[in-house]
Amino acid sequence: MKENQEKKPKKARRYYDEAFKKAAVEHCQRNGGDVSGTANELGINYWTLRDWVDGTRVARNHTAGASDLRARSATDLESENRALKAELARVREQRDILKKSLGILSNP
């Protein structure tokens, strides 16, 4: 740091309880997802509120995905597994063909 610059004091870190975070996210959602406007209205940092909103989306999607997996039957999972294996075999075959064609084209 240059000697003619003064060292600025650090801002005190603000901590928010879970109830406030939840209320802020709900308020943001009621405002149509306007994170910037809601953050200004509540006097908090935009990035802080955005992280809270993203965190609730991730948590909501994670719990929904887990319940979907439990609801699927074993036969559904087996048929999906067979379909995925068939697609993988097809894609591997395409990859091998492309590798061979590249080798043919690159030889002088």
Protein backbone atom coordinates (compact mmCIF):
# COMPACT_ATOMS: atom_id res chain seq x y z
CA MET A 1 0.00 0.00 0.00
CA LYS A 2 1.27 3.48 -0.79
CA GLU A 3 2.25 5.63 2.12
CA ASN A 4 0.05 8.58 1.16
CA GLN A 5 -3.11 6.47 1.27
CA GLU A 6 -4.91 6.13 4.54
CA LYS A 7 -6.13 2.77 5.67
CA LYS A 8 -9.92 2.66 5.72
CA PRO A 9 -11.57 1.01 8.69
CA LYS A 10 -13.36 -2.22 7.90
CA LYS A 11 -17.11 -2.29 8.06
CA ALA A 12 -18.57 -4.44 10.79
CA ARG A 13 -19.97 -7.66 9.38
CA ARG A 14 -23.74 -7.92 9.67
CA TYR A 15 -25.38 -11.19 10.63
CA TYR A 16 -29.00 -12.00 9.86
CA ASP A 17 -31.14 -14.62 11.57
CA GLU A 18 -32.96 -17.30 9.58
CA ALA A 19 -36.37 -15.68 10.12
CA PHE A 20 -35.16 -12.44 8.51
CA LYS A 21 -33.60 -14.31 5.60
CA LYS A 22 -36.80 -16.26 4.98
CA ALA A 23 -38.93 -13.12 5.19
CA ALA A 24 -36.60 -11.28 2.80
CA VAL A 25 -36.76 -14.10 0.24
CA GLU A 26 -40.56 -14.25 0.49
CA HIS A 27 -40.74 -10.46 0.08
CA CYS A 28 -38.51 -10.70 -2.98
CA GLN A 29 -40.75 -13.38 -4.48
CA ARG A 30 -43.86 -11.27 -3.81
CA ASN A 31 -42.15 -8.44 -5.71
CA GLY A 32 -41.83 -10.65 -8.76
CA GLY A 33 -38.26 -11.72 -8.05
CA ASP A 34 -36.85 -8.17 -8.13
CA VAL A 35 -33.72 -8.79 -6.07
CA SER A 36 -32.22 -5.35 -6.61
CA GLY A 37 -35.33 -3.42 -5.58
CA THR A 38 -35.98 -5.66 -2.59
CA ALA A 39 -32.37 -5.38 -1.41
CA ASN A 40 -32.51 -1.58 -1.60
CA GLU A 41 -35.85 -1.56 0.18
CA LEU A 42 -34.57 -3.74 3.02
CA GLY A 43 -31.16 -2.05 3.22
CA ILE A 44 -29.13 -5.17 2.51
CA ASN A 45 -26.54 -6.00 -0.11
CA TYR A 46 -27.82 -7.20 -3.51
CA TRP A 47 -25.42 -10.16 -3.57
CA THR A 48 -26.42 -11.25 -0.08
CA LEU A 49 -30.11 -11.37 -1.00
CA ARG A 50 -29.36 -13.05 -4.31
CA ASP A 51 -27.46 -15.81 -2.49
CA TRP A 52 -30.39 -16.31 -0.13
CA VAL A 53 -32.84 -16.53 -3.03
CA ASP A 54 -30.59 -18.95 -4.95
CA GLY A 55 -30.11 -21.04 -1.82
CA THR A 56 -33.84 -21.49 -1.37
CA ARG A 57 -34.22 -22.49 -5.03
CA VAL A 58 -31.47 -25.09 -4.71
CA ALA A 59 -32.93 -26.48 -1.49
CA ARG A 60 -36.43 -26.61 -3.00
CA ASN A 61 -35.20 -28.37 -6.16
CA HIS A 62 -33.06 -30.79 -4.15
CA THR A 63 -35.95 -31.92 -1.95
CA ALA A 64 -38.30 -32.18 -4.94
CA GLY A 65 -35.77 -34.32 -6.82
CA ALA A 66 -35.32 -36.68 -3.89
CA SER A 67 -39.06 -37.25 -3.53
CA ASP A 68 -39.38 -37.88 -7.28
CA LEU A 69 -36.72 -40.59 -7.10
CA ARG A 70 -38.47 -42.36 -4.23
CA ALA A 71 -41.81 -42.25 -6.06
CA ARG A 72 -40.47 -44.05 -9.16
CA SER A 73 -40.87 -47.78 -9.33
CA ALA A 74 -38.09 -50.29 -9.87
CA THR A 75 -39.40 -51.21 -13.33
CA ASP A 76 -39.31 -47.53 -14.39
CA LEU A 77 -35.74 -47.24 -13.20
CA GLU A 78 -34.74 -50.46 -14.97
CA SER A 79 -36.27 -49.33 -18.27
CA GLU A 80 -34.56 -45.94 -17.98
CA ASN A 81 -31.27 -47.68 -17.23
CA ARG A 82 -31.63 -49.87 -20.37
CA ALA A 83 -32.43 -46.81 -22.50
CA LEU A 84 -29.43 -44.92 -21.14
CA LYS A 85 -27.11 -47.86 -21.77
CA ALA A 86 -28.37 -48.12 -25.36
CA GLU A 87 -27.80 -44.40 -25.90
CA LEU A 88 -24.31 -44.66 -24.40
CA ALA A 89 -23.45 -47.51 -26.79
CA ARG A 90 -24.73 -45.45 -29.74
CA VAL A 91 -22.70 -42.39 -28.71
CA ARG A 92 -19.55 -44.48 -28.20
CA GLU A 93 -19.98 -45.93 -31.70
CA GLN A 94 -20.33 -42.42 -33.14
CA ARG A 95 -17.21 -41.32 -31.27
CA ASP A 96 -15.20 -44.25 -32.59
CA ILE A 97 -16.33 -43.51 -36.17
CA LEU A 98 -15.27 -39.89 -35.78
CA LYS A 99 -11.89 -40.94 -34.39
CA LYS A 100 -11.30 -43.21 -37.37
CA SER A 101 -12.36 -40.58 -39.88
CA LEU A 102 -10.07 -38.04 -38.24
CA GLY A 103 -7.17 -40.48 -38.53
CA ILE A 104 -7.92 -41.05 -42.22
CA LEU A 105 -8.21 -37.34 -42.99
CA SER A 106 -5.07 -36.37 -41.08
CA ASN A 107 -2.76 -38.80 -42.93
CA PRO A 108 -0.96 -37.14 -45.88
